[in-house]
């Protein structure tokens, strides 16, 4: 589906039931990994199926949102560390070039 992170999928099944899943997709070094973190099947003919499935969907969406928020915060932290490392490397390169100039090598 082209979606990464966590999301809730709701699918009608051919037997008249409804499948609710929390799916997590992430990129691994060599592939996309898909995990089913939770799954419930509801018989649409059962009393309370609508209310029960709606409650599960709401709970799973909240859980998925928290996982996505946590993943986003972790990614921002990693990006910040990469930027800091890049800036440090650039500063070291400038210092090395300046030292080489001072010593007459450049």
PDB file of N, CA and C in Angstrom:
ATOM      1  N   UNK A   1       0.820  -1.203   0.000  1.00  0.00           N
ATOM      2  CA  UNK A   1       0.000   0.000   0.000  1.00  0.00           C
ATOM      3  C   UNK A   1       0.850   1.248   0.000  1.00  0.00           C
ATOM      4  N   UNK A   2       2.145   1.076   0.117  1.00  0.00           N
ATOM      5  CA  UNK A   2       3.018   2.231   0.099  1.00  0.00           C
ATOM      6  C   UNK A   2       3.058   2.983   1.410  1.00  0.00           C
ATOM      7  N   UNK A   3       2.618   2.354   2.511  1.00  0.00           N
ATOM      8  CA  UNK A   3       2.578   3.019   3.800  1.00  0.00           C
ATOM      9  C   UNK A   3       3.683   2.478   4.693  1.00  0.00           C
ATOM     10  N   UNK A   4       4.352   3.384   5.390  1.00  0.00           N
ATOM     11  CA  UNK A   4       5.344   2.992   6.379  1.00  0.00           C
ATOM     12  C   UNK A   4       4.865   3.422   7.749  1.00  0.00           C
ATOM     13  N   UNK A   5       5.398   2.794   8.776  1.00  0.00           N
ATOM     14  CA  UNK A   5       4.960   3.081  10.130  1.00  0.00           C
ATOM     15  C   UNK A   5       3.806   2.176  10.506  1.00  0.00           C
ATOM     16  N   UNK A   6       3.044   2.572  11.500  1.00  0.00           N
ATOM     17  CA  UNK A   6       1.908   1.776  11.970  1.00  0.00           C
ATOM     18  C   UNK A   6       0.606   2.359  11.445  1.00  0.00           C
ATOM     19  N   UNK A   7      -0.300   1.474  11.115  1.00  0.00           N
ATOM     20  CA  UNK A   7      -1.634   1.899  10.708  1.00  0.00           C
ATOM     21  C   UNK A   7      -2.606   0.763  10.981  1.00  0.00           C
ATOM     22  N   UNK A   8      -3.884   1.087  10.967  1.00  0.00           N
ATOM     23  CA  UNK A   8      -4.929   0.104  11.209  1.00  0.00           C
ATOM     24  C   UNK A   8      -5.603  -0.213   9.881  1.00  0.00           C
ATOM     25  N   UNK A   9      -5.685  -1.498   9.579  1.00  0.00           N
ATOM     26  CA  UNK A   9      -6.342  -1.966   8.356  1.00  0.00           C
ATOM     27  C   UNK A   9      -7.638  -2.666   8.754  1.00  0.00           C
ATOM     28  N   UNK A  10      -8.707  -2.311   8.063  1.00  0.00           N
ATOM     29  CA  UNK A  10     -10.014  -2.919   8.297  1.00  0.00           C
ATOM     30  C   UNK A  10     -10.454  -3.536   6.973  1.00  0.00           C
ATOM     31  N   UNK A  11     -10.639  -4.860   6.966  1.00  0.00           N
ATOM     32  CA  UNK A  11     -10.937  -5.558   5.723  1.00  0.00           C
ATOM     33  C   UNK A  11     -12.144  -6.479   5.890  1.00  0.00           C
ATOM     34  N   UNK A  12     -13.147  -6.329   5.020  1.00  0.00           N
ATOM     35  CA  UNK A  12     -14.242  -7.307   5.026  1.00  0.00           C
ATOM     36  C   UNK A  12     -13.737  -8.620   4.424  1.00  0.00           C
ATOM     37  N   UNK A  13     -14.133  -9.726   5.027  1.00  0.00           N
ATOM     38  CA  UNK A  13     -13.718 -11.040   4.539  1.00  0.00           C
ATOM     39  C   UNK A  13     -14.874 -11.706   3.792  1.00  0.00           C
ATOM     40  N   UNK A  14     -14.558 -12.665   2.973  1.00  0.00           N
ATOM     41  CA  UNK A  14     -15.565 -13.303   2.110  1.00  0.00           C
ATOM     42  C   UNK A  14     -16.626 -14.059   2.898  1.00  0.00           C
ATOM     43  N   UNK A  15     -16.350 -14.423   4.161  1.00  0.00           N
ATOM     44  CA  UNK A  15     -17.343 -15.163   4.956  1.00  0.00           C
ATOM     45  C   UNK A  15     -18.301 -14.249   5.718  1.00  0.00           C
ATOM     46  N   UNK A  16     -18.224 -12.934   5.471  1.00  0.00           N
ATOM     47  CA  UNK A  16     -19.119 -11.990   6.131  1.00  0.00           C
ATOM     48  C   UNK A  16     -18.570 -11.447   7.442  1.00  0.00           C
ATOM     49  N   UNK A  17     -17.356 -11.739   7.727  1.00  0.00           N
ATOM     50  CA  UNK A  17     -16.748 -11.197   8.935  1.00  0.00           C
ATOM     51  C   UNK A  17     -15.858 -10.012   8.571  1.00  0.00           C
ATOM     52  N   UNK A  18     -15.368  -9.362   9.591  1.00  0.00           N
ATOM     53  CA  UNK A  18     -14.549  -8.169   9.411  1.00  0.00           C
ATOM     54  C   UNK A  18     -13.237  -8.389  10.157  1.00  0.00           C
ATOM     55  N   UNK A  19     -12.122  -8.175   9.470  1.00  0.00           N
ATOM     56  CA  UNK A  19     -10.801  -8.332  10.090  1.00  0.00           C
ATOM     57  C   UNK A  19     -10.231  -6.949  10.365  1.00  0.00           C
ATOM     58  N   UNK A  20      -9.774  -6.747  11.606  1.00  0.00           N
ATOM     59  CA  UNK A  20      -9.147  -5.502  12.036  1.00  0.00           C
ATOM     60  C   UNK A  20      -7.716  -5.849  12.440  1.00  0.00           C
ATOM     61  N   UNK A  21      -6.751  -5.159  11.826  1.00  0.00           N
ATOM     62  CA  UNK A  21      -5.341  -5.437  12.125  1.00  0.00           C
ATOM     63  C   UNK A  21      -4.584  -4.148  12.342  1.00  0.00           C
ATOM     64  N   UNK A  22      -3.604  -4.216  13.222  1.00  0.00           N
ATOM     65  CA  UNK A  22      -2.641  -3.133  13.326  1.00  0.00           C
ATOM     66  C   UNK A  22      -1.380  -3.636  12.635  1.00  0.00           C
ATOM     67  N   UNK A  23      -0.989  -2.907  11.606  1.00  0.00           N
ATOM     68  CA  UNK A  23       0.132  -3.297  10.757  1.00  0.00           C
ATOM     69  C   UNK A  23       1.260  -2.303  10.968  1.00  0.00           C
ATOM     70  N   UNK A  24       2.473  -2.830  11.008  1.00  0.00           N
ATOM     71  CA  UNK A  24       3.643  -1.959  11.098  1.00  0.00           C
ATOM     72  C   UNK A  24       4.568  -2.304   9.936  1.00  0.00           C
ATOM     73  N   UNK A  25       4.936  -1.278   9.177  1.00  0.00           N
ATOM     74  CA  UNK A  25       5.895  -1.443   8.084  1.00  0.00           C
ATOM     75  C   UNK A  25       7.084  -0.564   8.356  1.00  0.00           C
ATOM     76  N   UNK A  26       8.260  -1.178   8.167  1.00  0.00           N
ATOM     77  CA  UNK A  26       9.489  -0.431   8.356  1.00  0.00           C
ATOM     78  C   UNK A  26      10.486  -0.864   7.299  1.00  0.00           C
ATOM     79  N   UNK A  27      11.444  -0.011   7.064  1.00  0.00           N
ATOM     80  CA  UNK A  27      12.471  -0.299   6.072  1.00  0.00           C
ATOM     81  C   UNK A  27      13.661  -0.912   6.784  1.00  0.00           C
ATOM     82  N   UNK A  28      14.034  -2.094   6.369  1.00  0.00           N
ATOM     83  CA  UNK A  28      15.257  -2.760   6.833  1.00  0.00           C
ATOM     84  C   UNK A  28      16.329  -2.471   5.785  1.00  0.00           C
ATOM     85  N   UNK A  29      17.582  -2.778   6.079  1.00  0.00           N
ATOM     86  CA  UNK A  29      18.645  -2.461   5.118  1.00  0.00           C
ATOM     87  C   UNK A  29      18.406  -3.024   3.715  1.00  0.00           C
ATOM     88  N   UNK A  30      17.777  -4.189   3.617  1.00  0.00           N
ATOM     89  CA  UNK A  30      17.635  -4.803   2.298  1.00  0.00           C
ATOM     90  C   UNK A  30      16.199  -5.085   1.876  1.00  0.00           C
ATOM     91  N   UNK A  31      15.225  -4.655   2.682  1.00  0.00           N
ATOM     92  CA  UNK A  31      13.830  -4.946   2.340  1.00  0.00           C
ATOM     93  C   UNK A  31      12.870  -4.147   3.220  1.00  0.00           C
ATOM     94  N   UNK A  32      11.605  -4.211   2.870  1.00  0.00           N
ATOM     95  CA  UNK A  32      10.553  -3.639   3.709  1.00  0.00           C
ATOM     96  C   UNK A  32       9.980  -4.777   4.545  1.00  0.00           C
ATOM     97  N   UNK A  33       9.901  -4.563   5.859  1.00  0.00           N
ATOM     98  CA  UNK A  33       9.398  -5.580   6.774  1.00  0.00           C
ATOM     99  C   UNK A  33       7.987  -5.188   7.202  1.00  0.00           C
ATOM    100  N   UNK A  34       7.066  -6.138   7.122  1.00  0.00           N
ATOM    101  CA  UNK A  34       5.685  -5.912   7.543  1.00  0.00           C
ATOM    102  C   UNK A  34       5.369  -6.861   8.693  1.00  0.00           C
ATOM    103  N   UNK A  35       4.921  -6.292   9.807  1.00  0.00           N
ATOM    104  CA  UNK A  35       4.529  -7.085  10.974  1.00  0.00           C
ATOM    105  C   UNK A  35       3.071  -6.793  11.304  1.00  0.00           C
ATOM    106  N   UNK A  36       2.345  -7.821  11.691  1.00  0.00           N
ATOM    107  CA  UNK A  36       0.987  -7.665  12.201  1.00  0.00           C
ATOM    108  C   UNK A  36       1.113  -7.662  13.723  1.00  0.00           C
ATOM    109  N   UNK A  37       0.855  -6.516  14.346  1.00  0.00           N
ATOM    110  CA  UNK A  37       1.029  -6.378  15.789  1.00  0.00           C
ATOM    111  C   UNK A  37      -0.218  -6.773  16.571  1.00  0.00           C
ATOM    112  N   UNK A  38      -1.372  -6.706  15.933  1.00  0.00           N
ATOM    113  CA  UNK A  38      -2.626  -7.102  16.574  1.00  0.00           C
ATOM    114  C   UNK A  38      -3.629  -7.445  15.479  1.00  0.00           C
ATOM    115  N   UNK A  39      -4.498  -8.389  15.780  1.00  0.00           N
ATOM    116  CA  UNK A  39      -5.531  -8.782  14.800  1.00  0.00           C
ATOM    117  C   UNK A  39      -6.746  -9.321  15.537  1.00  0.00           C
ATOM    118  N   UNK A  40      -7.901  -8.867  15.093  1.00  0.00           N
ATOM    119  CA  UNK A  40      -9.179  -9.375  15.613  1.00  0.00           C
ATOM    120  C   UNK A  40     -10.108  -9.557  14.437  1.00  0.00           C
ATOM    121  N   UNK A  41     -10.943 -10.581  14.519  1.00  0.00           N
ATOM    122  CA  UNK A  41     -11.952 -10.827  13.500  1.00  0.00           C
ATOM    123  C   UNK A  41     -13.312 -10.753  14.177  1.00  0.00           C
ATOM    124  N   UNK A  42     -14.228 -10.009  13.564  1.00  0.00           N
ATOM    125  CA  UNK A  42     -15.576  -9.829  14.099  1.00  0.00           C
ATOM    126  C   UNK A  42     -16.580 -10.405  13.120  1.00  0.00           C
ATOM    127  N   UNK A  43     -17.541 -11.168  13.641  1.00  0.00           N
ATOM    128  CA  UNK A  43     -18.648 -11.671  12.832  1.00  0.00           C
ATOM    129  C   UNK A  43     -19.674 -10.554  12.749  1.00  0.00           C
ATOM    130  N   UNK A  44     -19.897 -10.058  11.556  1.00  0.00           N
ATOM    131  CA  UNK A  44     -20.800  -8.916  11.379  1.00  0.00           C
ATOM    132  C   UNK A  44     -22.221  -9.226  11.834  1.00  0.00           C
ATOM    133  N   UNK A  45     -22.592 -10.492  11.873  1.00  0.00           N
ATOM    134  CA  UNK A  45     -23.953 -10.867  12.278  1.00  0.00           C
ATOM    135  C   UNK A  45     -24.118 -10.939  13.793  1.00  0.00           C
ATOM    136  N   UNK A  46     -23.048 -10.926  14.532  1.00  0.00           N
ATOM    137  CA  UNK A  46     -23.114 -11.011  15.993  1.00  0.00           C
ATOM    138  C   UNK A  46     -23.621  -9.708  16.597  1.00  0.00           C
ATOM    139  N   UNK A  47     -24.447  -9.794  17.641  1.00  0.00           N
ATOM    140  CA  UNK A  47     -24.862  -8.570  18.326  1.00  0.00           C
ATOM    141  C   UNK A  47     -23.626  -7.864  18.916  1.00  0.00           C
ATOM    142  N   UNK A  48     -23.587  -6.585  18.793  1.00  0.00           N
ATOM    143  CA  UNK A  48     -22.482  -5.804  19.333  1.00  0.00           C
ATOM    144  C   UNK A  48     -21.244  -5.777  18.451  1.00  0.00           C
ATOM    145  N   UNK A  49     -21.314  -6.351  17.260  1.00  0.00           N
ATOM    146  CA  UNK A  49     -20.140  -6.381  16.381  1.00  0.00           C
ATOM    147  C   UNK A  49     -19.704  -4.971  15.989  1.00  0.00           C
ATOM    148  N   UNK A  50     -20.663  -4.105  15.722  1.00  0.00           N
ATOM    149  CA  UNK A  50     -20.316  -2.748  15.305  1.00  0.00           C
ATOM    150  C   UNK A  50     -19.616  -2.012  16.442  1.00  0.00           C
ATOM    151  N   UNK A  51     -20.206  -2.051  17.626  1.00  0.00           N
ATOM    152  CA  UNK A  51     -19.620  -1.356  18.765  1.00  0.00           C
ATOM    153  C   UNK A  51     -18.273  -1.967  19.140  1.00  0.00           C
ATOM    154  N   UNK A  52     -18.206  -3.269  19.172  1.00  0.00           N
ATOM    155  CA  UNK A  52     -16.959  -3.940  19.536  1.00  0.00           C
ATOM    156  C   UNK A  52     -15.839  -3.657  18.559  1.00  0.00           C
ATOM    157  N   UNK A  53     -16.148  -3.723  17.270  1.00  0.00           N
ATOM    158  CA  UNK A  53     -15.106  -3.473  16.273  1.00  0.00           C
ATOM    159  C   UNK A  53     -14.691  -2.007  16.277  1.00  0.00           C
ATOM    160  N   UNK A  54     -15.648  -1.102  16.477  1.00  0.00           N
ATOM    161  CA  UNK A  54     -15.316   0.325  16.527  1.00  0.00           C
ATOM    162  C   UNK A  54     -14.401   0.625  17.716  1.00  0.00           C
ATOM    163  N   UNK A  55     -14.653  -0.038  18.844  1.00  0.00           N
ATOM    164  CA  UNK A  55     -13.812   0.165  20.029  1.00  0.00           C
ATOM    165  C   UNK A  55     -12.396  -0.343  19.775  1.00  0.00           C
ATOM    166  N   UNK A  56     -12.276  -1.505  19.167  1.00  0.00           N
ATOM    167  CA  UNK A  56     -10.952  -2.064  18.879  1.00  0.00           C
ATOM    168  C   UNK A  56     -10.206  -1.180  17.884  1.00  0.00           C
ATOM    169  N   UNK A  57     -10.904  -0.712  16.849  1.00  0.00           N
ATOM    170  CA  UNK A  57     -10.266   0.167  15.857  1.00  0.00           C
ATOM    171  C   UNK A  57      -9.745   1.432  16.535  1.00  0.00           C
ATOM    172  N   UNK A  58     -10.547   2.033  17.412  1.00  0.00           N
ATOM    173  CA  UNK A  58     -10.118   3.256  18.105  1.00  0.00           C
ATOM    174  C   UNK A  58      -8.891   2.995  18.969  1.00  0.00           C
ATOM    175  N   UNK A  59      -8.891   1.882  19.706  1.00  0.00           N
ATOM    176  CA  UNK A  59      -7.743   1.551  20.556  1.00  0.00           C
ATOM    177  C   UNK A  59      -6.485   1.318  19.721  1.00  0.00           C
ATOM    178  N   UNK A  60      -6.642   0.583  18.622  1.00  0.00           N
ATOM    179  CA  UNK A  60      -5.477   0.301  17.778  1.00  0.00           C
ATOM    180  C   UNK A  60      -4.957   1.567  17.109  1.00  0.00           C
ATOM    181  N   UNK A  61      -5.844   2.448  16.701  1.00  0.00           N
ATOM    182  CA  UNK A  61      -5.390   3.704  16.084  1.00  0.00           C
ATOM    183  C   UNK A  61      -4.623   4.557  17.086  1.00  0.00           C
ATOM    184  N   UNK A  62      -5.071   4.558  18.327  1.00  0.00           N
ATOM    185  CA  UNK A  62      -4.355   5.306  19.358  1.00  0.00           C
ATOM    186  C   UNK A  62      -2.963   4.700  19.570  1.00  0.00           C
ATOM    187  N   UNK A  63      -2.893   3.392  19.655  1.00  0.00           N
ATOM    188  CA  UNK A  63      -1.621   2.694  19.835  1.00  0.00           C
ATOM    189  C   UNK A  63      -0.696   2.959  18.642  1.00  0.00           C
ATOM    190  N   UNK A  64      -1.247   2.870  17.437  1.00  0.00           N
ATOM    191  CA  UNK A  64      -0.448   3.125  16.232  1.00  0.00           C
ATOM    192  C   UNK A  64       0.083   4.558  16.235  1.00  0.00           C
ATOM    193  N   UNK A  65      -0.748   5.495  16.630  1.00  0.00           N
ATOM    194  CA  UNK A  65      -0.323   6.894  16.687  1.00  0.00           C
ATOM    195  C   UNK A  65       0.830   7.098  17.645  1.00  0.00           C
ATOM    196  N   UNK A  66       0.760   6.453  18.811  1.00  0.00           N
ATOM    197  CA  UNK A  66       1.853   6.566  19.789  1.00  0.00           C
ATOM    198  C   UNK A  66       3.139   5.963  19.229  1.00  0.00           C
ATOM    199  N   UNK A  67       3.025   4.815  18.589  1.00  0.00           N
ATOM    200  CA  UNK A  67       4.232   4.181  18.011  1.00  0.00           C
ATOM    201  C   UNK A  67       4.831   5.064  16.922  1.00  0.00           C
ATOM    202  N   UNK A  68       3.982   5.660  16.093  1.00  0.00           N
ATOM    203  CA  UNK A  68       4.480   6.546  15.029  1.00  0.00           C
ATOM    204  C   UNK A  68       5.122   7.794  15.616  1.00  0.00           C
ATOM    205  N   UNK A  69       4.517   8.351  16.666  1.00  0.00           N
ATOM    206  CA  UNK A  69       5.109   9.525  17.321  1.00  0.00           C
ATOM    207  C   UNK A  69       6.477   9.176  17.899  1.00  0.00           C
ATOM    208  N   UNK A  70       6.570   8.018  18.568  1.00  0.00           N
ATOM    209  CA  UNK A  70       7.849   7.595  19.137  1.00  0.00           C
ATOM    210  C   UNK A  70       8.889   7.397  18.036  1.00  0.00           C
ATOM    211  N   UNK A  71       8.474   6.784  16.944  1.00  0.00           N
ATOM    212  CA  UNK A  71       9.401   6.554  15.829  1.00  0.00           C
ATOM    213  C   UNK A  71       9.856   7.890  15.238  1.00  0.00           C
ATOM    214  N   UNK A  72       8.958   8.835  15.097  1.00  0.00           N
ATOM    215  CA  UNK A  72       9.300  10.150  14.560  1.00  0.00           C
ATOM    216  C   UNK A  72      10.289  10.886  15.447  1.00  0.00           C
ATOM    217  N   UNK A  73      10.079  10.812  16.760  1.00  0.00           N
ATOM    218  CA  UNK A  73      10.991  11.472  17.695  1.00  0.00           C
ATOM    219  C   UNK A  73      12.372  10.831  17.625  1.00  0.00           C
ATOM    220  N   UNK A  74      12.414   9.512  17.548  1.00  0.00           N
ATOM    221  CA  UNK A  74      13.707   8.817  17.459  1.00  0.00           C
ATOM    222  C   UNK A  74      14.424   9.177  16.161  1.00  0.00           C
ATOM    223  N   UNK A  75      13.681   9.283  15.069  1.00  0.00           N
ATOM    224  CA  UNK A  75      14.295   9.638  13.782  1.00  0.00           C
ATOM    225  C   UNK A  75      14.832  11.068  13.824  1.00  0.00           C
ATOM    226  N   UNK A  76      14.102  11.987  14.454  1.00  0.00           N
ATOM    227  CA  UNK A  76      14.588  13.362  14.577  1.00  0.00           C
ATOM    228  C   UNK A  76      15.869  13.408  15.399  1.00  0.00           C
ATOM    229  N   UNK A  77      15.914  12.606  16.444  1.00  0.00           N
ATOM    230  CA  UNK A  77      17.126  12.557  17.273  1.00  0.00           C
ATOM    231  C   UNK A  77      18.309  12.018  16.465  1.00  0.00           C
ATOM    232  N   UNK A  78      18.086  10.956  15.692  1.00  0.00           N
ATOM    233  CA  UNK A  78      19.164  10.411  14.851  1.00  0.00           C
ATOM    234  C   UNK A  78      19.612  11.430  13.817  1.00  0.00           C
ATOM    235  N   UNK A  79      18.655  12.146  13.218  1.00  0.00           N
ATOM    236  CA  UNK A  79      19.004  13.159  12.221  1.00  0.00           C
ATOM    237  C   UNK A  79      19.831  14.272  12.858  1.00  0.00           C
ATOM    238  N   UNK A  80      19.478  14.669  14.072  1.00  0.00           N
ATOM    239  CA  UNK A  80      20.241  15.691  14.780  1.00  0.00           C
ATOM    240  C   UNK A  80      21.666  15.239  15.067  1.00  0.00           C
ATOM    241  N   UNK A  81      21.814  13.979  15.466  1.00  0.00           N
ATOM    242  CA  UNK A  81      23.161  13.453  15.712  1.00  0.00           C
ATOM    243  C   UNK A  81      23.968  13.403  14.424  1.00  0.00           C
ATOM    244  N   UNK A  82      23.329  13.031  13.309  1.00  0.00           N
ATOM    245  CA  UNK A  82      24.039  13.013  12.017  1.00  0.00           C
ATOM    246  C   UNK A  82      24.483  14.420  11.633  1.00  0.00           C
ATOM    247  N   UNK A  83      23.610  15.411  11.816  1.00  0.00           N
ATOM    248  CA  UNK A  83      23.967  16.797  11.503  1.00  0.00           C
ATOM    249  C   UNK A  83      25.131  17.265  12.365  1.00  0.00           C
ATOM    250  N   UNK A  84      25.097  16.927  13.648  1.00  0.00           N
ATOM    251  CA  UNK A  84      26.193  17.307  14.549  1.00  0.00           C
ATOM    252  C   UNK A  84      27.501  16.661  14.102  1.00  0.00           C
ATOM    253  N   UNK A  85      27.451  15.394  13.743  1.00  0.00           N
ATOM    254  CA  UNK A  85      28.659  14.691  13.293  1.00  0.00           C
ATOM    255  C   UNK A  85      29.180  15.295  11.996  1.00  0.00           C
ATOM    256  N   UNK A  86      28.270  15.636  11.077  1.00  0.00           N
ATOM    257  CA  UNK A  86      28.689  16.266   9.818  1.00  0.00           C
ATOM    258  C   UNK A  86      29.331  17.625  10.073  1.00  0.00           C
ATOM    259  N   UNK A  87      28.756  18.397  10.984  1.00  0.00           N
ATOM    260  CA  UNK A  87      29.308  19.719  11.301  1.00  0.00           C
ATOM    261  C   UNK A  87      30.682  19.581  11.956  1.00  0.00           C
ATOM    262  N   UNK A  88      30.833  18.600  12.839  1.00  0.00           N
ATOM    263  CA  UNK A  88      32.129  18.373  13.484  1.00  0.00           C
ATOM    264  C   UNK A  88      33.185  17.974  12.456  1.00  0.00           C
ATOM    265  N   UNK A  89      32.809  17.090  11.531  1.00  0.00           N
ATOM    266  CA  UNK A  89      33.756  16.672  10.489  1.00  0.00           C
ATOM    267  C   UNK A  89      34.155  17.855   9.607  1.00  0.00           C
ATOM    268  N   UNK A  90      33.190  18.693   9.241  1.00  0.00           N
ATOM    269  CA  UNK A  90      33.494  19.867   8.418  1.00  0.00           C
ATOM    270  C   UNK A  90      34.442  20.808   9.159  1.00  0.00           C
ATOM    271  N   UNK A  91      34.220  21.006  10.455  1.00  0.00           N
ATOM    272  CA  UNK A  91      35.104  21.869  11.247  1.00  0.00           C
ATOM    273  C   UNK A  91      36.512  21.286  11.311  1.00  0.00           C
ATOM    274  N   UNK A  92      36.618  19.977  11.500  1.00  0.00           N
ATOM    275  CA  UNK A  92      37.941  19.343  11.549  1.00  0.00           C
ATOM    276  C   UNK A  92      38.659  19.476  10.212  1.00  0.00           C
ATOM    277  N   UNK A  93      37.917  19.358   9.130  1.00  0.00           N
ATOM    278  CA  UNK A  93      38.528  19.508   7.799  1.00  0.00           C
ATOM    279  C   UNK A  93      39.033  20.933   7.593  1.00  0.00           C
ATOM    280  N   UNK A  94      38.234  21.919   8.037  1.00  0.00           N
ATOM    281  CA  UNK A  94      38.668  23.325   7.917  1.00  0.00           C
ATOM    282  C   UNK A  94      39.927  23.564   8.745  1.00  0.00           C
ATOM    283  N   UNK A  95      39.939  23.024   9.962  1.00  0.00           N
ATOM    284  CA  UNK A  95      41.104  23.184  10.824  1.00  0.00           C
ATOM    285  C   UNK A  95      42.339  22.531  10.211  1.00  0.00           C
ATOM    286  N   UNK A  96      42.171  21.350   9.617  1.00  0.00           N
ATOM    287  CA  UNK A  96      43.299  20.669   8.982  1.00  0.00           C
ATOM    288  C   UNK A  96      43.807  21.476   7.797  1.00  0.00           C
ATOM    289  N   UNK A  97      42.891  22.023   7.012  1.00  0.00           N
ATOM    290  CA  UNK A  97      43.307  22.838   5.854  1.00  0.00           C
ATOM    291  C   UNK A  97      44.021  24.090   6.326  1.00  0.00           C
ATOM    292  N   UNK A  98      43.547  24.717   7.391  1.00  0.00           N
ATOM    293  CA  UNK A  98      44.201  25.910   7.936  1.00  0.00           C
ATOM    294  C   UNK A  98      45.595  25.578   8.469  1.00  0.00           C
ATOM    295  N   UNK A  99      45.724  24.462   9.163  1.00  0.00           N
ATOM    296  CA  UNK A  99      47.017  24.045   9.680  1.00  0.00           C
ATOM    297  C   UNK A  99      47.977  23.766   8.529  1.00  0.00           C
ATOM    298  N   UNK A 100      47.492  23.111   7.499  1.00  0.00           N
ATOM    299  CA  UNK A 100      48.345  22.838   6.325  1.00  0.00           C
ATOM    300  C   UNK A 100      48.787  24.155   5.675  1.00  0.00           C
ATOM    301  N   UNK A 101      47.894  25.138   5.611  1.00  0.00           N
ATOM    302  CA  UNK A 101      48.243  26.432   5.030  1.00  0.00           C
ATOM    303  C   UNK A 101      49.304  27.109   5.883  1.00  0.00           C
ATOM    304  N   UNK A 102      49.128  27.066   7.212  1.00  0.00           N
ATOM    305  CA  UNK A 102      50.084  27.701   8.118  1.00  0.00           C
ATOM    306  C   UNK A 102      51.471  27.066   7.986  1.00  0.00           C
ATOM    307  N   UNK A 103      51.484  25.764   7.862  1.00  0.00           N
ATOM    308  CA  UNK A 103      52.749  25.043   7.780  1.00  0.00           C
ATOM    309  C   UNK A 103      53.366  25.090   6.402  1.00  0.00           C
ATOM    310  N   UNK A 104      52.641  25.719   5.470  1.00  0.00           N
ATOM    311  CA  UNK A 104      53.190  25.916   4.140  1.00  0.00           C
ATOM    312  C   UNK A 104      52.952  24.768   3.185  1.00  0.00           C
ATOM    313  N   UNK A 105      52.087  23.864   3.533  1.00  0.00           N
ATOM    314  CA  UNK A 105      51.821  22.729   2.669  1.00  0.00           C
ATOM    315  C   UNK A 105      50.682  22.960   1.686  1.00  0.00           C
ATOM    316  N   UNK A 106      50.000  24.078   1.801  1.00  0.00           N
ATOM    317  CA  UNK A 106      48.866  24.282   0.883  1.00  0.00           C
ATOM    318  C   UNK A 106      48.920  25.666   0.290  1.00  0.00           C
TER     319      UNK A 106
END
